[in-house]
C-alpha atoms as a PDB file:
ATOM      1  CA  MET A   1     -22.759   5.067 -35.369  1.00  0.00           C
ATOM      2  CA  LYS A   2     -22.136   6.246 -31.830  1.00  0.00           C
ATOM      3  CA  LYS A   3     -23.511   3.726 -29.338  1.00  0.00           C
ATOM      4  CA  HIS A   4     -22.728   5.478 -26.071  1.00  0.00           C
ATOM      5  CA  ALA A   5     -23.995   8.809 -24.741  1.00  0.00           C
ATOM      6  CA  ILE A   6     -23.293  10.783 -21.586  1.00  0.00           C
ATOM      7  CA  ILE A   7     -25.692  13.217 -19.956  1.00  0.00           C
ATOM      8  CA  PRO A   8     -23.264  15.575 -18.155  1.00  0.00           C
ATOM      9  CA  ILE A   9     -24.304  17.378 -15.006  1.00  0.00           C
ATOM     10  CA  PHE A  10     -21.724  19.911 -13.840  1.00  0.00           C
ATOM     11  CA  ILE A  11     -21.304  20.812 -10.180  1.00  0.00           C
ATOM     12  CA  PRO A  12     -18.695  23.613 -10.234  1.00  0.00           C
ATOM     13  CA  HIS A  13     -16.362  23.342  -7.248  1.00  0.00           C
ATOM     14  CA  GLU A  14     -19.252  22.522  -4.947  1.00  0.00           C
ATOM     15  CA  GLY A  15     -18.239  20.030  -2.311  1.00  0.00           C
ATOM     16  CA  CYS A  16     -14.524  20.790  -2.577  1.00  0.00           C
ATOM     17  CA  PRO A  17     -13.018  23.244  -0.068  1.00  0.00           C
ATOM     18  CA  ASN A  18      -9.504  22.540  -1.365  1.00  0.00           C
ATOM     19  CA  ASP A  19      -7.874  24.910  -3.839  1.00  0.00           C
ATOM     20  CA  CYS A  20      -5.396  23.019  -5.990  1.00  0.00           C
ATOM     21  CA  VAL A  21      -2.976  25.380  -7.686  1.00  0.00           C
ATOM     22  CA  PHE A  22      -4.314  24.559 -11.171  1.00  0.00           C
ATOM     23  CA  CYS A  23      -8.032  24.696 -10.420  1.00  0.00           C
ATOM     24  CA  ASN A  24     -10.645  27.275 -11.262  1.00  0.00           C
ATOM     25  CA  GLN A  25     -13.765  25.195 -11.764  1.00  0.00           C
ATOM     26  CA  LYS A  26     -15.826  28.185 -12.874  1.00  0.00           C
ATOM     27  CA  LYS A  27     -13.667  28.483 -15.975  1.00  0.00           C
ATOM     28  CA  ILE A  28     -13.657  24.798 -16.867  1.00  0.00           C
ATOM     29  CA  THR A  29     -17.315  23.913 -16.526  1.00  0.00           C
ATOM     30  CA  ALA A  30     -20.242  25.057 -18.590  1.00  0.00           C
ATOM     31  CA  ARG A  31     -22.293  26.081 -15.563  1.00  0.00           C
ATOM     32  CA  GLN A  32     -21.473  28.412 -12.674  1.00  0.00           C
ATOM     33  CA  GLN A  33     -24.664  28.424 -10.579  1.00  0.00           C
ATOM     34  CA  PRO A  34     -25.423  25.877  -7.833  1.00  0.00           C
ATOM     35  CA  VAL A  35     -27.287  22.807  -9.046  1.00  0.00           C
ATOM     36  CA  GLU A  36     -30.543  21.690  -7.452  1.00  0.00           C
ATOM     37  CA  ALA A  37     -32.185  18.284  -7.709  1.00  0.00           C
ATOM     38  CA  SER A  38     -34.822  19.847  -9.963  1.00  0.00           C
ATOM     39  CA  ASP A  39     -32.041  20.971 -12.303  1.00  0.00           C
ATOM     40  CA  VAL A  40     -30.756  17.407 -12.519  1.00  0.00           C
ATOM     41  CA  LYS A  41     -34.211  16.260 -13.619  1.00  0.00           C
ATOM     42  CA  ASP A  42     -34.505  19.061 -16.184  1.00  0.00           C
ATOM     43  CA  ILE A  43     -31.079  18.304 -17.671  1.00  0.00           C
ATOM     44  CA  ILE A  44     -31.801  14.589 -17.958  1.00  0.00           C
ATOM     45  CA  GLU A  45     -35.177  15.236 -19.587  1.00  0.00           C
ATOM     46  CA  GLN A  46     -33.644  17.658 -22.073  1.00  0.00           C
ATOM     47  CA  TYR A  47     -30.943  15.199 -23.113  1.00  0.00           C
ATOM     48  CA  LEU A  48     -33.289  12.214 -23.311  1.00  0.00           C
ATOM     49  CA  THR A  49     -35.445  14.132 -25.778  1.00  0.00           C
ATOM     50  CA  THR A  50     -32.482  14.563 -28.124  1.00  0.00           C
ATOM     51  CA  LEU A  51     -31.182  11.005 -27.609  1.00  0.00           C
ATOM     52  CA  ALA A  52     -34.448   9.227 -28.329  1.00  0.00           C
ATOM     53  CA  GLY A  53     -34.473   6.962 -31.365  1.00  0.00           C
ATOM     54  CA  ARG A  54     -30.705   6.943 -31.897  1.00  0.00           C
ATOM     55  CA  GLY A  55     -30.278   3.247 -31.182  1.00  0.00           C
ATOM     56  CA  LEU A  56     -27.885   3.882 -28.292  1.00  0.00           C
ATOM     57  CA  GLU A  57     -26.640   0.895 -26.327  1.00  0.00           C
ATOM     58  CA  THR A  58     -25.685   2.841 -23.194  1.00  0.00           C
ATOM     59  CA  ILE A  59     -26.770   6.163 -21.712  1.00  0.00           C
ATOM     60  CA  GLU A  60     -24.977   7.470 -18.619  1.00  0.00           C
ATOM     61  CA  VAL A  61     -25.820  10.277 -16.270  1.00  0.00           C
ATOM     62  CA  ALA A  62     -22.457  11.683 -15.189  1.00  0.00           C
ATOM     63  CA  PHE A  63     -21.832  14.153 -12.368  1.00  0.00           C
ATOM     64  CA  PHE A  64     -18.693  16.153 -13.216  1.00  0.00           C
ATOM     65  CA  GLY A  65     -17.040  19.443 -12.390  1.00  0.00           C
ATOM     66  CA  GLY A  66     -16.699  19.182  -8.640  1.00  0.00           C
ATOM     67  CA  SER A  67     -15.900  16.650  -5.967  1.00  0.00           C
ATOM     68  CA  PHE A  68     -19.207  14.868  -5.767  1.00  0.00           C
ATOM     69  CA  THR A  69     -18.580  12.908  -2.588  1.00  0.00           C
ATOM     70  CA  GLY A  70     -17.390  16.073  -0.824  1.00  0.00           C
ATOM     71  CA  LEU A  71     -21.016  17.174  -0.775  1.00  0.00           C
ATOM     72  CA  SER A  72     -23.152  16.360   2.224  1.00  0.00           C
ATOM     73  CA  ILE A  73     -24.682  12.891   2.135  1.00  0.00           C
ATOM     74  CA  GLU A  74     -28.084  14.576   1.939  1.00  0.00           C
ATOM     75  CA  LYS A  75     -27.201  16.565  -1.172  1.00  0.00           C
ATOM     76  CA  GLN A  76     -25.508  13.583  -2.816  1.00  0.00           C
ATOM     77  CA  SER A  77     -28.626  11.558  -2.158  1.00  0.00           C
ATOM     78  CA  SER A  78     -30.954  14.227  -3.551  1.00  0.00           C
ATOM     79  CA  TYR A  79     -29.057  14.243  -6.859  1.00  0.00           C
ATOM     80  CA  LEU A  80     -28.657  10.497  -7.034  1.00  0.00           C
ATOM     81  CA  ALA A  81     -32.315   9.814  -6.234  1.00  0.00           C
ATOM     82  CA  VAL A  82     -33.258  11.596  -9.453  1.00  0.00           C
ATOM     83  CA  ALA A  83     -30.744   9.633 -11.546  1.00  0.00           C
ATOM     84  CA  LYS A  84     -31.700   6.361  -9.869  1.00  0.00           C
ATOM     85  CA  ALA A  85     -35.352   6.835 -10.812  1.00  0.00           C
ATOM     86  CA  TYR A  86     -34.413   7.131 -14.490  1.00  0.00           C
ATOM     87  CA  LYS A  87     -32.172   4.084 -14.193  1.00  0.00           C
ATOM     88  CA  GLU A  88     -34.912   2.005 -12.598  1.00  0.00           C
ATOM     89  CA  ASN A  89     -37.286   3.080 -15.372  1.00  0.00           C
ATOM     90  CA  GLY A  90     -34.794   1.891 -17.953  1.00  0.00           C
ATOM     91  CA  GLN A  91     -34.300   5.373 -19.447  1.00  0.00           C
ATOM     92  CA  ILE A  92     -30.620   5.456 -18.519  1.00  0.00           C
ATOM     93  CA  ASP A  93     -28.188   2.621 -18.004  1.00  0.00           C
ATOM     94  CA  LYS A  94     -25.430   3.913 -15.723  1.00  0.00           C
ATOM     95  CA  ILE A  95     -24.662   6.559 -13.112  1.00  0.00           C
ATOM     96  CA  HIS A  96     -21.158   7.983 -13.238  1.00  0.00           C
ATOM     97  CA  LEU A  97     -19.414  10.496 -10.983  1.00  0.00           C
ATOM     98  CA  SER A  98     -16.003  12.016 -10.311  1.00  0.00           C
ATOM     99  CA  THR A  99     -14.439  12.944  -7.001  1.00  0.00           C
ATOM    100  CA  ARG A 100     -11.207  13.240  -5.013  1.00  0.00           C
ATOM    101  CA  PRO A 101      -9.339  10.298  -3.465  1.00  0.00           C
ATOM    102  CA  ASP A 102      -9.612  11.799   0.033  1.00  0.00           C
ATOM    103  CA  TYR A 103     -13.419  11.973  -0.196  1.00  0.00           C
ATOM    104  CA  ILE A 104     -13.921   8.223  -0.239  1.00  0.00           C
ATOM    105  CA  ASN A 105     -14.812   6.009   2.730  1.00  0.00           C
ATOM    106  CA  GLU A 106     -17.077   3.044   3.436  1.00  0.00           C
ATOM    107  CA  GLU A 107     -20.056   5.182   4.495  1.00  0.00           C
ATOM    108  CA  ILE A 108     -19.875   7.203   1.269  1.00  0.00           C
ATOM    109  CA  LEU A 109     -19.489   4.115  -0.904  1.00  0.00           C
ATOM    110  CA  THR A 110     -22.383   2.342   0.821  1.00  0.00           C
ATOM    111  CA  ASN A 111     -24.622   5.302   0.036  1.00  0.00           C
ATOM    112  CA  LEU A 112     -23.467   5.413  -3.589  1.00  0.00           C
ATOM    113  CA  LYS A 113     -24.138   1.686  -3.932  1.00  0.00           C
ATOM    114  CA  ASN A 114     -27.652   2.163  -2.525  1.00  0.00           C
ATOM    115  CA  TYR A 115     -28.391   4.714  -5.234  1.00  0.00           C
ATOM    116  CA  GLY A 116     -27.141   2.534  -8.079  1.00  0.00           C
ATOM    117  CA  VAL A 117     -23.893   4.335  -8.926  1.00  0.00           C
ATOM    118  CA  ASP A 118     -21.820   2.348 -11.418  1.00  0.00           C
ATOM    119  CA  ILE A 119     -18.622   4.297 -12.140  1.00  0.00           C
ATOM    120  CA  ILE A 120     -16.403   6.367  -9.853  1.00  0.00           C
ATOM    121  CA  GLU A 121     -13.558   8.378 -11.324  1.00  0.00           C
ATOM    122  CA  LEU A 122     -10.832   9.653  -9.043  1.00  0.00           C
ATOM    123  CA  GLY A 123      -8.912  12.823  -9.814  1.00  0.00           C
ATOM    124  CA  VAL A 124      -5.575  11.308  -8.829  1.00  0.00           C
ATOM    125  CA  GLN A 125      -3.461  13.678 -10.989  1.00  0.00           C
ATOM    126  CA  SER A 126      -0.120  12.192  -9.876  1.00  0.00           C
ATOM    127  CA  PHE A 127       1.336   9.418  -7.730  1.00  0.00           C
ATOM    128  CA  ASP A 128       4.459  11.447  -6.974  1.00  0.00           C
ATOM    129  CA  GLU A 129       4.542  12.922  -3.464  1.00  0.00           C
ATOM    130  CA  GLU A 130       6.393  16.103  -4.430  1.00  0.00           C
ATOM    131  CA  VAL A 131       4.022  16.830  -7.312  1.00  0.00           C
ATOM    132  CA  LEU A 132       1.015  16.347  -5.020  1.00  0.00           C
ATOM    133  CA  LYS A 133       2.559  18.679  -2.460  1.00  0.00           C
ATOM    134  CA  GLN A 134       3.530  21.427  -4.911  1.00  0.00           C
ATOM    135  CA  SER A 135       0.088  21.221  -6.529  1.00  0.00           C
ATOM    136  CA  ASN A 136      -1.581  21.692  -3.121  1.00  0.00           C
ATOM    137  CA  ARG A 137      -3.630  18.546  -3.501  1.00  0.00           C
ATOM    138  CA  GLY A 138      -4.125  18.268   0.256  1.00  0.00           C
ATOM    139  CA  HIS A 139      -3.290  14.563   0.495  1.00  0.00           C
ATOM    140  CA  ASP A 140      -0.476  12.120  -0.219  1.00  0.00           C
ATOM    141  CA  SER A 141      -0.477   9.058  -2.453  1.00  0.00           C
ATOM    142  CA  THR A 142      -1.336   6.653   0.375  1.00  0.00           C
ATOM    143  CA  ILE A 143      -4.982   7.734   0.303  1.00  0.00           C
ATOM    144  CA  VAL A 144      -5.075   7.160  -3.458  1.00  0.00           C
ATOM    145  CA  TYR A 145      -4.193   3.489  -3.138  1.00  0.00           C
ATOM    146  CA  GLU A 146      -6.626   3.010  -0.252  1.00  0.00           C
ATOM    147  CA  SER A 147      -9.515   4.732  -2.060  1.00  0.00           C
ATOM    148  CA  CYS A 148      -8.945   2.688  -5.208  1.00  0.00           C
ATOM    149  CA  ARG A 149      -8.932  -0.492  -3.141  1.00  0.00           C
ATOM    150  CA  LEU A 150     -12.213   0.435  -1.468  1.00  0.00           C
ATOM    151  CA  ILE A 151     -13.926   1.432  -4.726  1.00  0.00           C
ATOM    152  CA  LYS A 152     -12.998  -1.812  -6.441  1.00  0.00           C
ATOM    153  CA  GLY A 153     -13.856  -3.787  -3.319  1.00  0.00           C
ATOM    154  CA  PHE A 154     -17.378  -2.363  -3.356  1.00  0.00           C
ATOM    155  CA  GLY A 155     -17.773  -3.479  -6.957  1.00  0.00           C
ATOM    156  CA  PHE A 156     -17.733  -0.094  -8.668  1.00  0.00           C
ATOM    157  CA  GLU A 157     -16.049   0.479 -12.015  1.00  0.00           C
ATOM    158  CA  LEU A 158     -12.951   2.580 -11.295  1.00  0.00           C
ATOM    159  CA  GLY A 159     -11.559   5.421 -13.363  1.00  0.00           C
ATOM    160  CA  ILE A 160      -8.326   7.322 -12.777  1.00  0.00           C
ATOM    161  CA  GLN A 161      -7.544  10.817 -14.038  1.00  0.00           C
ATOM    162  CA  LEU A 162      -3.913  11.885 -14.406  1.00  0.00           C
ATOM    163  CA  MET A 163      -2.386  15.270 -15.197  1.00  0.00           C
ATOM    164  CA  ILE A 164       0.896  15.855 -17.021  1.00  0.00           C
ATOM    165  CA  GLY A 165       3.225  18.781 -16.354  1.00  0.00           C
ATOM    166  CA  LEU A 166       2.084  19.879 -12.893  1.00  0.00           C
ATOM    167  CA  PRO A 167       4.514  21.807 -10.655  1.00  0.00           C
ATOM    168  CA  GLY A 168       7.413  19.528  -9.767  1.00  0.00           C
ATOM    169  CA  ASP A 169       6.480  17.033 -12.469  1.00  0.00           C
ATOM    170  CA  THR A 170       8.924  15.487 -14.925  1.00  0.00           C
ATOM    171  CA  HIS A 171       8.622  13.078 -17.835  1.00  0.00           C
ATOM    172  CA  GLU A 172       9.839  10.266 -15.571  1.00  0.00           C
ATOM    173  CA  LYS A 173       7.315  11.095 -12.834  1.00  0.00           C
ATOM    174  CA  SER A 174       4.421  11.100 -15.290  1.00  0.00           C
ATOM    175  CA  ILE A 175       5.513   7.718 -16.640  1.00  0.00           C
ATOM    176  CA  TYR A 176       5.705   6.462 -13.044  1.00  0.00           C
ATOM    177  CA  SER A 177       2.102   7.598 -12.501  1.00  0.00           C
ATOM    178  CA  ALA A 178       1.000   5.707 -15.601  1.00  0.00           C
ATOM    179  CA  LYS A 179       2.739   2.553 -14.386  1.00  0.00           C
ATOM    180  CA  GLU A 180       1.180   2.862 -10.920  1.00  0.00           C
ATOM    181  CA  THR A 181      -2.196   3.244 -12.582  1.00  0.00           C
ATOM    182  CA  VAL A 182      -1.616  -0.046 -14.389  1.00  0.00           C
ATOM    183  CA  LYS A 183      -0.810  -1.741 -11.076  1.00  0.00           C
ATOM    184  CA  ILE A 184      -4.127  -0.561  -9.624  1.00  0.00           C
ATOM    185  CA  GLY A 185      -6.023  -1.706 -12.711  1.00  0.00           C
ATOM    186  CA  PRO A 186      -8.847   0.782 -13.355  1.00  0.00           C
ATOM    187  CA  SER A 187     -11.252   0.170 -16.229  1.00  0.00           C
ATOM    188  CA  ILE A 188     -10.925   3.685 -17.634  1.00  0.00           C
ATOM    189  CA  ALA A 189      -8.522   6.614 -17.538  1.00  0.00           C
ATOM    190  CA  ARG A 190      -8.257  10.255 -18.589  1.00  0.00           C
ATOM    191  CA  LEU A 191      -5.044  12.118 -19.341  1.00  0.00           C
ATOM    192  CA  TYR A 192      -4.901  15.893 -19.045  1.00  0.00           C
ATOM    193  CA  PRO A 193      -1.806  17.935 -19.873  1.00  0.00           C
ATOM    194  CA  THR A 194      -1.774  20.868 -17.477  1.00  0.00           C
ATOM    195  CA  ILE A 195      -2.988  24.195 -18.790  1.00  0.00           C
ATOM    196  CA  VAL A 196      -2.750  27.480 -16.932  1.00  0.00           C
ATOM    197  CA  ILE A 197      -6.077  29.167 -16.224  1.00  0.00           C
ATOM    198  CA  GLU A 198      -6.460  32.721 -14.971  1.00  0.00           C
ATOM    199  CA  ASP A 199      -7.466  33.312 -11.359  1.00  0.00           C
ATOM    200  CA  THR A 200      -5.507  30.311 -10.139  1.00  0.00           C
ATOM    201  CA  GLU A 201      -2.354  30.021  -8.064  1.00  0.00           C
ATOM    202  CA  LEU A 202      -0.692  28.319 -11.021  1.00  0.00           C
ATOM    203  CA  TYR A 203      -1.352  31.420 -13.131  1.00  0.00           C
ATOM    204  CA  GLU A 204       0.424  33.533 -10.515  1.00  0.00           C
ATOM    205  CA  MET A 205       3.313  31.054 -10.488  1.00  0.00           C
ATOM    206  CA  TYR A 206       3.498  31.302 -14.276  1.00  0.00           C
ATOM    207  CA  CYS A 207       3.470  35.117 -14.198  1.00  0.00           C
ATOM    208  CA  HIS A 208       6.264  35.172 -11.605  1.00  0.00           C
ATOM    209  CA  GLY A 209       8.355  32.658 -13.515  1.00  0.00           C
ATOM    210  CA  SER A 210       8.250  29.899 -10.897  1.00  0.00           C
ATOM    211  CA  TYR A 211       6.246  27.599 -13.181  1.00  0.00           C
ATOM    212  CA  GLN A 212       6.924  26.877 -16.844  1.00  0.00           C
ATOM    213  CA  PRO A 213       4.213  25.066 -18.830  1.00  0.00           C
ATOM    214  CA  LEU A 214       5.198  22.189 -21.066  1.00  0.00           C
ATOM    215  CA  SER A 215       5.709  22.878 -24.723  1.00  0.00           C
ATOM    216  CA  GLN A 216       3.356  21.100 -27.087  1.00  0.00           C
ATOM    217  CA  GLU A 217       6.162  18.771 -28.145  1.00  0.00           C
ATOM    218  CA  GLU A 218       6.971  17.880 -24.520  1.00  0.00           C
ATOM    219  CA  ALA A 219       3.307  17.311 -23.695  1.00  0.00           C
ATOM    220  CA  ILE A 220       2.794  15.056 -26.724  1.00  0.00           C
ATOM    221  CA  ASP A 221       5.961  13.083 -26.038  1.00  0.00           C
ATOM    222  CA  THR A 222       5.057  12.306 -22.427  1.00  0.00           C
ATOM    223  CA  THR A 223       1.372  11.704 -23.079  1.00  0.00           C
ATOM    224  CA  LYS A 224       2.217   9.407 -26.000  1.00  0.00           C
ATOM    225  CA  GLU A 225       4.276   7.145 -23.768  1.00  0.00           C
ATOM    226  CA  MET A 226       1.589   7.130 -21.071  1.00  0.00           C
ATOM    227  CA  VAL A 227      -1.060   6.210 -23.638  1.00  0.00           C
ATOM    228  CA  GLN A 228       1.001   3.265 -24.836  1.00  0.00           C
ATOM    229  CA  ILE A 229       1.503   2.022 -21.275  1.00  0.00           C
ATOM    230  CA  LEU A 230      -2.224   2.196 -20.500  1.00  0.00           C
ATOM    231  CA  ASN A 231      -3.274   0.732 -23.860  1.00  0.00           C
ATOM    232  CA  GLN A 232      -0.975  -2.251 -23.414  1.00  0.00           C
ATOM    233  CA  ALA A 233      -2.611  -2.916 -20.047  1.00  0.00           C
ATOM    234  CA  GLY A 234      -6.093  -2.865 -21.590  1.00  0.00           C
ATOM    235  CA  ILE A 235      -7.163   0.319 -19.812  1.00  0.00           C
ATOM    236  CA  ARG A 236      -9.632   2.295 -21.931  1.00  0.00           C
ATOM    237  CA  ILE A 237      -8.593   5.936 -22.260  1.00  0.00           C
ATOM    238  CA  ILE A 238     -11.776   7.962 -22.557  1.00  0.00           C
ATOM    239  CA  ARG A 239     -10.197  11.399 -22.784  1.00  0.00           C
ATOM    240  CA  ILE A 240      -6.835  12.882 -23.712  1.00  0.00           C
ATOM    241  CA  GLY A 241      -6.698  16.645 -23.184  1.00  0.00           C
ATOM    242  CA  LEU A 242      -9.466  19.169 -22.629  1.00  0.00           C
ATOM    243  CA  LYS A 243     -11.990  19.802 -25.374  1.00  0.00           C
ATOM    244  CA  SER A 244     -12.781  23.352 -26.432  1.00  0.00           C
ATOM    245  CA  THR A 245     -16.250  22.948 -24.934  1.00  0.00           C
ATOM    246  CA  ASP A 246     -14.638  22.365 -21.525  1.00  0.00           C
ATOM    247  CA  LEU A 247     -13.376  25.932 -21.518  1.00  0.00           C
ATOM    248  CA  ILE A 248     -15.628  28.927 -21.179  1.00  0.00           C
ATOM    249  CA  GLN A 249     -12.988  31.450 -22.215  1.00  0.00           C
ATOM    250  CA  GLU A 250     -10.112  30.066 -24.232  1.00  0.00           C
ATOM    251  CA  ASN A 251      -8.486  33.502 -24.218  1.00  0.00           C
ATOM    252  CA  GLY A 252      -8.219  33.145 -20.445  1.00  0.00           C
ATOM    253  CA  VAL A 253      -5.858  30.217 -20.844  1.00  0.00           C
ATOM    254  CA  ILE A 254      -2.064  30.406 -20.940  1.00  0.00           C
ATOM    255  CA  SER A 255      -1.397  27.030 -22.447  1.00  0.00           C
ATOM    256  CA  GLY A 256       2.314  26.941 -23.207  1.00  0.00           C
ATOM    257  CA  GLY A 257       1.301  24.734 -26.120  1.00  0.00           C
ATOM    258  CA  THR A 258      -0.436  22.023 -24.110  1.00  0.00           C
ATOM    259  CA  TYR A 259      -3.946  23.121 -25.057  1.00  0.00           C
ATOM    260  CA  HIS A 260      -5.015  22.081 -28.510  1.00  0.00           C
ATOM    261  CA  PRO A 261      -8.611  21.335 -29.571  1.00  0.00           C
ATOM    262  CA  ALA A 262      -7.423  18.089 -31.184  1.00  0.00           C
ATOM    263  CA  PHE A 263      -4.757  17.142 -28.649  1.00  0.00           C
ATOM    264  CA  ARG A 264      -5.826  13.497 -28.627  1.00  0.00           C
ATOM    265  CA  GLN A 265      -5.322  13.234 -32.362  1.00  0.00           C
ATOM    266  CA  LEU A 266      -1.902  14.871 -32.075  1.00  0.00           C
ATOM    267  CA  VAL A 267      -0.884  12.174 -29.613  1.00  0.00           C
ATOM    268  CA  GLU A 268      -2.436   9.248 -31.464  1.00  0.00           C
ATOM    269  CA  SER A 269      -1.057  10.475 -34.801  1.00  0.00           C
ATOM    270  CA  GLU A 270       2.409  10.535 -33.301  1.00  0.00           C
ATOM    271  CA  ILE A 271       1.974   6.969 -32.053  1.00  0.00           C
ATOM    272  CA  ALA A 272       0.823   5.890 -35.517  1.00  0.00           C
ATOM    273  CA  LYS A 273       3.792   7.606 -37.167  1.00  0.00           C
ATOM    274  CA  GLU A 274       6.218   5.910 -34.791  1.00  0.00           C
ATOM    275  CA  MET A 275       4.710   2.460 -35.385  1.00  0.00           C
ATOM    276  CA  LEU A 276       4.749   2.881 -39.154  1.00  0.00           C
ATOM    277  CA  GLU A 277       8.288   4.220 -39.257  1.00  0.00           C
ATOM    278  CA  ASN A 278       9.589   1.364 -37.134  1.00  0.00           C
ATOM    279  CA  GLN A 279       8.162  -1.123 -39.635  1.00  0.00           C
ATOM    280  CA  LEU A 280       9.468   0.910 -42.542  1.00  0.00           C
ATOM    281  CA  THR A 281      12.962   0.901 -41.046  1.00  0.00           C
ATOM    282  CA  ASN A 282      12.843  -2.866 -40.609  1.00  0.00           C
ATOM    283  CA  LEU A 283      11.819  -3.316 -44.234  1.00  0.00           C
ATOM    284  CA  GLN A 284      14.640  -1.070 -45.419  1.00  0.00           C
ATOM    285  CA  ASN A 285      17.132  -3.010 -43.344  1.00  0.00           C
ATOM    286  CA  ASN A 286      15.933  -6.145 -45.113  1.00  0.00           C
ATOM    287  CA  SER A 287      16.590  -4.606 -48.552  1.00  0.00           C
ATOM    288  CA  LEU A 288      13.318  -3.504 -50.035  1.00  0.00           C
ATOM    289  CA  SER A 289      12.880  -4.646 -53.625  1.00  0.00           C
ATOM    290  CA  ASP A 290      12.146  -2.243 -56.482  1.00  0.00           C
ATOM    291  CA  PRO A 291       9.843  -0.614 -57.305  1.00  0.00           C
ATOM    292  CA  LEU A 292       9.460   0.961 -53.877  1.00  0.00           C
ATOM    293  CA  VAL A 293       5.700   0.975 -53.461  1.00  0.00           C
ATOM    294  CA  LEU A 294       4.267   0.379 -50.005  1.00  0.00           C
ATOM    295  CA  SER A 295       0.808   0.539 -48.464  1.00  0.00           C
ATOM    296  CA  PHE A 296       0.192   1.924 -44.974  1.00  0.00           C
ATOM    297  CA  GLU A 297      -2.956   0.427 -43.502  1.00  0.00           C
ATOM    298  CA  SER A 298      -5.290   0.912 -40.557  1.00  0.00           C
ATOM    299  CA  ASN A 299      -8.966   0.375 -39.877  1.00  0.00           C
ATOM    300  CA  GLN A 300     -11.446   3.110 -40.808  1.00  0.00           C
ATOM    301  CA  LYS A 301     -11.702   4.453 -37.262  1.00  0.00           C
ATOM    302  CA  CYS A 302      -7.949   5.087 -36.996  1.00  0.00           C
ATOM    303  CA  PHE A 303      -7.364   6.191 -40.589  1.00  0.00           C
ATOM    304  CA  SER A 304      -7.234   9.913 -39.685  1.00  0.00           C
ATOM    305  CA  ASN A 305      -4.573   9.162 -37.058  1.00  0.00           C
ATOM    306  CA  MET A 306      -2.514   7.328 -39.678  1.00  0.00           C
ATOM    307  CA  ILE A 307      -2.763  10.327 -42.022  1.00  0.00           C
ATOM    308  CA  GLY A 308      -2.011  12.679 -39.119  1.00  0.00           C
ATOM    309  CA  ASN A 309      -3.527  15.903 -37.877  1.00  0.00           C
ATOM    310  CA  LYS A 310      -3.791  18.185 -40.921  1.00  0.00           C
ATOM    311  CA  ARG A 311      -2.088  15.414 -42.955  1.00  0.00           C
ATOM    312  CA  SER A 312       1.091  15.822 -40.888  1.00  0.00           C
ATOM    313  CA  ASN A 313       2.127  12.149 -41.095  1.00  0.00           C
ATOM    314  CA  LYS A 314       1.495  11.959 -44.808  1.00  0.00           C
ATOM    315  CA  GLU A 315       3.645  15.035 -45.375  1.00  0.00           C
ATOM    316  CA  TYR A 316       6.340  13.704 -43.015  1.00  0.00           C
ATOM    317  CA  PHE A 317       6.744  10.414 -44.873  1.00  0.00           C
ATOM    318  CA  ALA A 318       6.570  12.070 -48.302  1.00  0.00           C
ATOM    319  CA  SER A 319       9.346  14.475 -47.323  1.00  0.00           C
ATOM    320  CA  LYS A 320      11.611  11.983 -45.544  1.00  0.00           C
ATOM    321  CA  TYR A 321      11.151   9.071 -47.976  1.00  0.00           C
ATOM    322  CA  PRO A 322      10.650  10.675 -51.426  1.00  0.00           C
ATOM    323  CA  HIS A 323      11.939   7.511 -53.146  1.00  0.00           C
ATOM    324  CA  ILE A 324       9.038   5.463 -51.777  1.00  0.00           C
ATOM    325  CA  LYS A 325       5.499   5.673 -53.106  1.00  0.00           C
ATOM    326  CA  ILE A 326       3.152   5.215 -50.163  1.00  0.00           C
ATOM    327  CA  VAL A 327      -0.516   4.346 -50.610  1.00  0.00           C
ATOM    328  CA  TYR A 328      -2.794   4.826 -47.587  1.00  0.00           C
ATOM    329  CA  LYS A 329      -5.527   2.227 -47.209  1.00  0.00           C
ATOM    330  CA  THR A 330      -8.184   1.056 -44.778  1.00  0.00           C
ATOM    331  CA  ASN A 331      -8.198  -2.554 -43.644  1.00  0.00           C
ATOM    332  CA  SER A 332     -11.296  -3.735 -41.771  1.00  0.00           C
ATOM    333  CA  PHE A 333      -9.402  -6.701 -40.298  1.00  0.00           C
ATOM    334  CA  LEU A 334      -7.115  -4.456 -38.231  1.00  0.00           C
ATOM    335  CA  ALA A 335      -7.830  -3.625 -34.594  1.00  0.00           C
ATOM    336  CA  ASP A 336      -7.989  -0.087 -33.259  1.00  0.00           C
ATOM    337  CA  HIS A 337      -4.545   1.544 -33.081  1.00  0.00           C
ATOM    338  CA  GLN A 338      -3.012  -1.184 -35.241  1.00  0.00           C
ATOM    339  CA  TYR A 339      -0.992   0.141 -38.183  1.00  0.00           C
ATOM    340  CA  ILE A 340       0.836  -2.023 -40.710  1.00  0.00           C
ATOM    341  CA  VAL A 341       3.165  -1.539 -43.646  1.00  0.00           C
ATOM    342  CA  ILE A 342       2.637  -3.871 -46.601  1.00  0.00           C
ATOM    343  CA  GLN A 343       5.187  -4.341 -49.390  1.00  0.00           C
END
C-alpha cells in the first residue's frame, strides 16, 4: 500500500523571467492561470478529502511548475502561510518546493525556514558549463555548488534535478553531472531526458536542424548509467522521465524517442537485464550442469522490471538462450533492484 502522497500545486513559469531553450511551462503543467493563496487552500482541501483514511505515513504539499523562490517574498509567504497552517494542524507532514539555483540566498532560505519548508529541489539540469550556456540557463555551475551548500547548511532536505540530452550535452557530460551530484550528496534526485516542446527555442533549433534529440536507445543507455551511479550512492531517485499527466498535449511534443509513458520502467528493466545476464555469463563460464534450468529472482516490487516492459526481458532471454529453461520467481528476502540467478 502506498504510504506517501503529494499534494501538487503548480505555479506555471511565475517567478522565472528566464527562458531556457527547452522550457514552455504552460505545456508541462496542468494549470495555466496564476495561483492565489485561496487556490492553495482549495487544492489542499480537495486532496485531503480524497486522502483521508488511507493510512498514509507522509503527506507533502509540493509547489512545482515554476521557480518558487523567484517570486516576491510576499507572494512566497502568502502561499507558504497556507501550507504551514495545515502542517501545524498535523494535516500534512512536509512542505516541498522546486526552484532555480540562482534564486537561492540566505534571506530567501531564512524565510522558507520560518514557514516550515522541508525539501528544496534545484533544477540544476547539468554541471557542464557549455551545456548550461547553450541551454540559456542564465548562470554557471558555480552558483549550483553554492546554493546546494547553503540549502544543506540551513538544514533543508536537498533534491537535484538533472536533464539528459540538452544542447551541447554528451553521454560523458551527463555521467559527469551524475558524479558531481553524488559529491554534493542530495537526498533525492530526478532525471529527465530532454523532450522538445512546441513554442520553445529548442523546437526552433530542432526544426532548423541545429539540435538533434536523443534516440530512445541513447536516452536509456545514458540514464541507466546515471541511475546506477546515484543508486550506489544511496540517493533516492523519485522520478525518471516525464509522466503523461505532466504533458497537456502529447501531440505537441517532438520526442525523438525520449518520451515514453513508462520511461522509468524501460531504464530499470534494462538495468535488471544487464545484472541478470552478467550472472548468467558467469555461470556459463563455470560450466553449468545439465539440465539447464535456472530461476531469475527479484522481490515483488521489482518483478515487473525483471520481466521487462511488455515482457521484453523475458523474450530477450528466451530468444538468446533457448537451451536454458528460465523460471521467474519473487523472493521477499531480496532488496529493491536486486536480481539474482539461481541454479
